[in-house]
Amino acid sequence: MGVWQVDADTLAGSRFIVSRLAEATASLKKLANPVAAHPGERRWLDTHLPAYRARLAAEPTTALLLDAAFGARWIADFMTPTPDGAHEDDLADGLARIRATPPSAVRADLTVSSPGPLPDTLAHADDLAERAAALLAWVWRETVLPQWPRRRRVIEADVLARTRELTRGGWAAAFGGMRPTMGWLGEGRLRINAHDYPPRNIAGAQLLFVPVTPKQGWVSWPERDPVDRYAVVYPCAGALADTDRAAPPGGLAALLGTARAQVLVLLEQPLTTSQLVALTGQGLGSVGRHLKVLDGAGLVQRRRAGRSVLYFRTPTGDTLLRAQRPGV
């Protein structure tokens, strides 16, 4: 699985998609391994870990299931059905596919992913697929859905950034930075991870790239159906994912207006107008007007990068923000 061999048709038909199923799964993986990648994720974990742990404490079989499914090296295949890419609202379909996994297939997958021998409780249980689906549904409803509009904007901003990188620098630029061990090797070879396995020929299949906001990633393809699509799930760029940092200080919001101050805070890193629209939820015209005012005040600058125009804070803008938020 270390290298996928692709052809021109596969690359031409590949695309980035938004997946609620992948976002819920990535969030469950983050709760199962609660190491925060940034302060916003830390706050999310602090908010939801108590209820998550209470649920597992009340369902010890489900807790054992997660320990086996999310192994150090592998994820149990039945837990990560490949998104079909047809629509964003793929959660119900994905949960149905998990529930439909035969008990024998669930145990086979867990035998591969588990870091040790399967506990007897799992080896003889026939309701593990239902337990997994129910937990994923709970994670979506309780921990993701309240934040979904913001998370979707972050995902859309990442897709915009990757698409521009692809346009400017080809596949090597688009893949470099999705995952630490992933990269374009040339000659139709896409390195997926560092595992030493024979190359897997996926010529003719559909290739989907699925950004998620938690710092999680995996690959998947239908093991028990015709293998016609592959998915690479990867974490959004860190600076985009930590959008909680975009909340403007009260004094700055009073001075500039909340919407304009939010744009200034986000421009800690260079962003395009389209990315700012995706991250803020403001209209294109509104963002453009804010940038014009901030540029005229000497708080932001712009530069062209290929076909894109990037905006970023000036030293004056940094000083203004630092005065409102010590340590920035």
Protein backbone atom coordinates (compact mmCIF):
# COMPACT_ATOMS: atom_id res chain seq x y z
CA MET A 1 0.00 0.00 0.00
CA GLY A 2 3.05 2.31 0.15
CA VAL A 3 2.86 3.39 -3.52
CA TRP A 4 -0.12 3.65 -5.84
CA GLN A 5 0.47 3.45 -9.57
CA VAL A 6 -1.93 5.78 -11.38
CA ASP A 7 -2.53 6.68 -15.00
CA ALA A 8 -3.54 9.88 -16.74
CA ASP A 9 -7.25 8.99 -16.63
CA THR A 10 -7.12 8.46 -12.88
CA LEU A 11 -5.46 11.83 -12.33
CA ALA A 12 -7.80 13.59 -14.72
CA GLY A 13 -10.83 12.17 -12.94
CA SER A 14 -9.57 12.78 -9.41
CA ARG A 15 -11.21 15.46 -7.31
CA PHE A 16 -11.48 16.98 -3.86
CA ILE A 17 -14.71 16.37 -1.96
CA VAL A 18 -16.40 17.36 1.30
CA SER A 19 -17.49 14.36 3.38
CA ARG A 20 -19.51 14.41 6.59
CA LEU A 21 -18.72 10.73 7.01
CA ALA A 22 -14.97 11.37 6.94
CA GLU A 23 -15.30 14.36 9.29
CA ALA A 24 -17.22 12.26 11.83
CA THR A 25 -14.69 9.42 11.60
CA ALA A 26 -11.74 11.79 11.98
CA SER A 27 -13.42 13.35 15.03
CA LEU A 28 -13.94 9.93 16.58
CA LYS A 29 -10.27 9.11 15.99
CA LYS A 30 -9.30 12.38 17.67
CA LEU A 31 -11.46 11.59 20.70
CA ALA A 32 -9.91 8.13 20.87
CA ASN A 33 -6.42 9.67 20.80
CA PRO A 34 -6.96 13.11 22.35
CA VAL A 35 -3.72 14.88 21.45
CA ALA A 36 -4.57 18.45 20.45
CA ALA A 37 -2.91 19.89 17.35
CA HIS A 38 -3.77 23.50 18.24
CA PRO A 39 -5.62 25.48 20.95
CA GLY A 40 -8.96 25.31 19.16
CA GLU A 41 -8.77 21.52 19.05
CA ARG A 42 -7.80 21.49 22.73
CA ARG A 43 -10.97 23.42 23.59
CA TRP A 44 -13.06 21.05 21.50
CA LEU A 45 -11.55 18.04 23.28
CA ASP A 46 -12.05 19.59 26.71
CA THR A 47 -15.71 20.19 25.83
CA HIS A 48 -16.54 16.72 24.53
CA LEU A 49 -14.14 14.24 26.15
CA PRO A 50 -16.13 13.90 29.41
CA ALA A 51 -19.32 12.81 27.61
CA TYR A 52 -17.35 10.56 25.23
CA ARG A 53 -15.56 8.83 28.08
CA ALA A 54 -18.77 8.45 30.02
CA ARG A 55 -20.38 6.77 27.03
CA LEU A 56 -17.50 4.30 26.66
CA ALA A 57 -17.49 3.61 30.38
CA ALA A 58 -21.15 2.60 30.07
CA GLU A 59 -20.37 0.45 27.02
CA PRO A 60 -17.17 -1.52 27.75
CA THR A 61 -17.60 -3.66 24.62
CA THR A 62 -17.62 -0.53 22.47
CA ALA A 63 -14.46 0.66 24.24
CA LEU A 64 -12.73 -2.64 23.43
CA LEU A 65 -13.95 -2.33 19.85
CA LEU A 66 -12.31 1.07 19.42
CA ASP A 67 -9.03 -0.14 20.93
CA ALA A 68 -8.94 -2.90 18.33
CA ALA A 69 -10.27 -0.87 15.39
CA PHE A 70 -7.89 2.08 15.75
CA GLY A 71 -4.61 0.21 15.93
CA ALA A 72 -1.20 1.85 15.91
CA ARG A 73 -0.65 0.89 12.26
CA TRP A 74 -4.01 0.05 10.71
CA ILE A 75 -7.64 1.09 10.96
CA ALA A 76 -10.24 -1.65 10.66
CA ASP A 77 -11.51 -1.39 7.09
CA PHE A 78 -15.20 -1.60 7.97
CA MET A 79 -14.84 1.59 10.05
CA THR A 80 -13.79 3.70 7.05
CA PRO A 81 -16.11 3.08 4.10
CA THR A 82 -14.90 4.98 1.06
CA PRO A 83 -16.98 8.11 0.33
CA ASP A 84 -18.70 7.91 -3.02
CA GLY A 85 -18.15 11.59 -3.78
CA ALA A 86 -21.70 11.99 -5.07
CA HIS A 87 -22.78 14.42 -2.35
CA GLU A 88 -21.56 15.96 0.88
CA ASP A 89 -24.36 14.49 3.01
CA ASP A 90 -22.92 10.96 2.89
CA LEU A 91 -23.17 10.17 6.60
CA ALA A 92 -26.39 8.14 6.50
CA ASP A 93 -25.14 6.06 3.57
CA GLY A 94 -21.79 5.47 5.28
CA LEU A 95 -23.41 4.40 8.55
CA ALA A 96 -25.69 2.04 6.64
CA ARG A 97 -22.68 0.46 4.95
CA ILE A 98 -20.97 -0.01 8.32
CA ARG A 99 -24.08 -1.61 9.81
CA ALA A 100 -24.34 -3.96 6.83
CA THR A 101 -20.86 -5.42 7.40
CA PRO A 102 -21.22 -9.13 8.27
CA PRO A 103 -19.95 -10.09 11.75
CA SER A 104 -17.35 -12.40 10.25
CA ALA A 105 -15.95 -9.54 8.13
CA VAL A 106 -15.88 -7.22 11.16
CA ARG A 107 -13.87 -9.75 13.14
CA ALA A 108 -11.52 -10.32 10.20
CA ASP A 109 -10.86 -6.58 9.93
CA LEU A 110 -10.33 -6.24 13.68
CA THR A 111 -7.87 -9.15 13.66
CA VAL A 112 -5.73 -7.15 11.22
CA SER A 113 -6.01 -3.77 12.96
CA SER A 114 -5.84 -4.88 16.59
CA PRO A 115 -2.45 -4.41 18.27
CA GLY A 116 -2.89 -7.79 19.98
CA PRO A 117 -5.16 -10.84 20.04
CA LEU A 118 -8.86 -10.01 19.97
CA PRO A 119 -10.48 -10.16 23.41
CA ASP A 120 -13.04 -12.94 23.75
CA THR A 121 -15.78 -10.31 24.06
CA LEU A 122 -15.05 -9.12 20.51
CA ALA A 123 -14.31 -12.55 19.07
CA HIS A 124 -17.84 -13.72 19.89
CA ALA A 125 -19.90 -10.54 19.47
CA ASP A 126 -22.24 -10.12 16.50
CA ASP A 127 -23.29 -6.51 17.12
CA LEU A 128 -19.94 -4.75 16.65
CA ALA A 129 -20.87 -3.09 13.36
CA GLU A 130 -24.01 -1.64 14.92
CA ARG A 131 -22.01 -0.40 17.90
CA ALA A 132 -19.50 1.33 15.64
CA ALA A 133 -22.22 3.00 13.57
CA ALA A 134 -24.11 4.15 16.67
CA LEU A 135 -20.96 5.70 18.15
CA LEU A 136 -20.12 7.49 14.90
CA ALA A 137 -23.68 8.84 14.71
CA TRP A 138 -23.35 10.11 18.28
CA VAL A 139 -19.99 11.79 17.55
CA TRP A 140 -21.49 13.55 14.55
CA ARG A 141 -24.63 14.70 16.34
CA GLU A 142 -23.05 15.81 19.61
CA THR A 143 -19.56 17.02 18.69
CA VAL A 144 -19.43 17.86 14.96
CA LEU A 145 -22.86 19.06 13.86
CA PRO A 146 -22.88 22.17 16.11
CA GLN A 147 -19.63 23.27 14.42
CA TRP A 148 -20.33 21.98 10.93
CA PRO A 149 -20.88 25.33 9.15
CA ARG A 150 -17.50 26.57 10.39
CA ARG A 151 -15.76 23.26 9.70
CA ARG A 152 -17.18 23.14 6.18
CA ARG A 153 -15.79 26.62 5.49
CA VAL A 154 -12.35 25.47 6.64
CA ILE A 155 -12.55 22.41 4.39
CA GLU A 156 -13.65 24.51 1.43
CA ALA A 157 -10.74 26.89 2.02
CA ASP A 158 -8.32 23.96 2.01
CA VAL A 159 -9.80 22.65 -1.24
CA LEU A 160 -9.35 26.08 -2.80
CA ALA A 161 -5.72 26.19 -1.68
CA ARG A 162 -4.95 22.68 -2.97
CA THR A 163 -6.64 23.36 -6.28
CA ARG A 164 -4.53 26.47 -6.79
CA GLU A 165 -1.37 24.56 -5.89
CA LEU A 166 -2.32 21.95 -8.47
CA THR A 167 -2.87 24.63 -11.10
CA ARG A 168 0.45 26.35 -10.37
CA GLY A 169 2.78 23.46 -9.56
CA GLY A 170 1.13 20.23 -10.73
CA TRP A 171 0.55 17.11 -8.67
CA ALA A 172 3.85 17.37 -6.81
CA ALA A 173 2.74 20.73 -5.37
CA ALA A 174 -0.79 19.56 -4.59
CA PHE A 175 0.33 16.41 -2.76
CA GLY A 176 3.28 17.83 -0.91
CA GLY A 177 1.93 18.70 2.53
CA MET A 178 -1.27 16.67 2.56
CA ARG A 179 0.33 14.04 4.79
CA PRO A 180 3.93 13.77 6.07
CA THR A 181 4.70 10.53 4.22
CA MET A 182 2.73 11.32 1.05
CA GLY A 183 4.28 12.66 -2.13
CA TRP A 184 4.34 12.53 -5.91
CA LEU A 185 7.27 10.41 -7.11
CA GLY A 186 6.71 10.99 -10.81
CA GLU A 187 6.09 8.45 -13.58
CA GLY A 188 2.58 7.83 -12.30
CA ARG A 189 3.69 6.88 -8.78
CA LEU A 190 1.93 8.35 -5.75
CA ARG A 191 3.51 7.51 -2.39
CA ILE A 192 0.72 7.09 0.15
CA ASN A 193 2.71 6.13 3.23
CA ALA A 194 6.07 4.77 4.34
CA HIS A 195 5.04 1.10 4.50
CA ASP A 196 7.16 -1.21 2.36
CA TYR A 197 4.56 -2.98 0.23
CA PRO A 198 4.46 -3.76 -3.49
CA PRO A 199 2.95 -0.93 -5.57
CA ARG A 200 -0.82 -1.07 -5.99
CA ASN A 201 -2.07 -0.41 -9.51
CA ILE A 202 -5.17 1.79 -9.36
CA ALA A 203 -5.23 2.78 -13.03
CA GLY A 204 -8.77 3.48 -14.19
CA ALA A 205 -10.18 3.95 -10.69
CA GLN A 206 -11.56 7.21 -9.34
CA LEU A 207 -9.26 8.97 -6.88
CA LEU A 208 -10.84 11.17 -4.20
CA PHE A 209 -9.07 13.57 -1.86
CA VAL A 210 -10.99 14.26 1.34
CA PRO A 211 -9.85 17.02 3.73
CA VAL A 212 -10.95 16.86 7.38
CA THR A 213 -10.43 19.43 10.14
CA PRO A 214 -9.03 17.13 12.89
CA LYS A 215 -5.37 16.23 12.43
CA GLN A 216 -6.12 12.71 11.20
CA GLY A 217 -5.69 10.83 7.95
CA TRP A 218 -6.08 7.44 6.29
CA VAL A 219 -6.70 5.81 2.91
CA SER A 220 -9.58 3.59 1.92
CA TRP A 221 -11.14 1.67 -0.92
CA PRO A 222 -14.11 -0.75 -1.11
CA GLU A 223 -12.71 -4.13 -0.11
CA ARG A 224 -15.92 -6.08 -0.56
CA ASP A 225 -17.32 -4.25 -3.59
CA PRO A 226 -15.84 -3.62 -7.01
CA VAL A 227 -12.74 -1.49 -6.42
CA ASP A 228 -13.63 1.51 -8.57
CA ARG A 229 -12.60 4.36 -6.28
CA TYR A 230 -9.90 5.17 -3.74
CA ALA A 231 -9.90 7.90 -1.13
CA VAL A 232 -7.10 9.77 0.61
CA VAL A 233 -8.31 11.47 3.78
CA TYR A 234 -5.92 14.16 5.01
CA PRO A 235 -5.93 16.96 7.61
CA CYS A 236 -6.58 20.54 6.51
CA ALA A 237 -3.63 22.91 6.69
CA GLY A 238 -3.00 23.75 10.35
CA ALA A 239 -3.30 27.51 10.00
CA LEU A 240 -6.69 27.08 8.36
CA ALA A 241 -7.93 24.45 10.79
CA ASP A 242 -7.27 26.64 13.84
CA THR A 243 -9.92 29.17 12.89
CA ASP A 244 -10.78 29.78 16.55
CA ARG A 245 -7.79 32.12 16.49
CA ALA A 246 -9.75 34.29 14.05
CA ALA A 247 -12.01 35.64 16.78
CA PRO A 248 -11.06 39.33 16.91
CA PRO A 249 -10.29 41.02 20.25
CA GLY A 250 -13.13 43.23 21.49
CA GLY A 251 -11.19 46.47 21.17
CA LEU A 252 -10.13 45.70 17.60
CA ALA A 253 -13.68 44.75 16.66
CA ALA A 254 -14.94 48.05 18.09
CA LEU A 255 -12.33 49.96 16.12
CA LEU A 256 -12.66 48.24 12.74
CA GLY A 257 -15.97 46.42 12.97
CA THR A 258 -16.20 42.71 13.78
CA ALA A 259 -16.23 41.45 10.18
CA ARG A 260 -13.28 43.59 9.08
CA ALA A 261 -11.32 42.73 12.23
CA GLN A 262 -11.89 39.03 11.57
CA VAL A 263 -10.34 39.40 8.12
CA LEU A 264 -7.30 41.13 9.61
CA VAL A 265 -6.83 38.39 12.21
CA LEU A 266 -7.02 35.64 9.58
CA LEU A 267 -4.31 37.28 7.48
CA GLU A 268 -1.56 36.05 9.77
CA GLN A 269 -0.75 33.86 6.77
CA PRO A 270 -1.24 34.85 3.12
CA LEU A 271 -4.74 34.05 1.89
CA THR A 272 -6.72 34.67 -1.27
CA THR A 273 -10.04 36.46 -1.36
CA SER A 274 -11.78 33.13 -2.06
CA GLN A 275 -10.18 31.53 0.97
CA LEU A 276 -11.26 34.45 3.15
CA VAL A 277 -14.81 34.08 1.85
CA ALA A 278 -14.76 30.37 2.74
CA LEU A 279 -13.29 30.92 6.19
CA THR A 280 -15.42 33.89 7.26
CA GLY A 281 -18.71 33.02 5.63
CA GLN A 282 -18.92 36.61 4.38
CA GLY A 283 -19.83 37.45 0.80
CA LEU A 284 -17.20 38.08 -1.86
CA GLY A 285 -18.17 41.76 -2.14
CA SER A 286 -17.95 42.29 1.61
CA VAL A 287 -14.53 40.66 1.86
CA GLY A 288 -13.30 42.71 -1.09
CA ARG A 289 -14.45 45.96 0.56
CA HIS A 290 -12.79 45.01 3.86
CA LEU A 291 -9.51 44.25 2.08
CA LYS A 292 -9.64 47.57 0.24
CA VAL A 293 -10.10 49.50 3.49
CA LEU A 294 -7.39 47.52 5.30
CA ASP A 295 -5.02 47.97 2.36
CA GLY A 296 -5.69 51.71 2.29
CA ALA A 297 -4.96 51.93 6.02
CA GLY A 298 -1.63 50.17 5.57
CA LEU A 299 -2.69 47.15 7.62
CA VAL A 300 -2.50 44.58 4.81
CA GLN A 301 -0.60 44.17 1.56
CA ARG A 302 -1.14 42.07 -1.52
CA ARG A 303 1.11 40.19 -3.89
CA ARG A 304 0.52 38.05 -6.94
CA ALA A 305 1.47 34.35 -6.88
CA GLY A 306 0.86 32.83 -10.29
CA ARG A 307 -2.80 33.38 -11.08
CA SER A 308 -3.70 34.16 -7.47
CA VAL A 309 -3.56 37.35 -5.45
CA LEU A 310 -2.53 36.80 -1.83
CA TYR A 311 -3.26 39.20 1.02
CA PHE A 312 -1.25 39.33 4.24
CA ARG A 313 -0.79 41.56 7.28
CA THR A 314 1.82 44.29 7.26
CA PRO A 315 4.09 44.98 10.25
CA THR A 316 1.66 47.79 11.15
CA GLY A 317 -1.23 45.31 11.11
CA ASP A 318 0.80 42.92 13.29
CA THR A 319 1.54 45.70 15.77
CA LEU A 320 -2.13 46.69 15.98
CA LEU A 321 -3.20 43.12 16.64
CA ARG A 322 -0.39 42.52 19.11
CA ALA A 323 -1.46 45.59 21.11
CA GLN A 324 -4.93 44.04 21.46
CA ARG A 325 -3.75 40.47 22.02
CA PRO A 326 -0.44 40.23 23.90
CA GLY A 327 1.68 37.32 22.77
CA VAL A 328 0.44 37.37 19.15
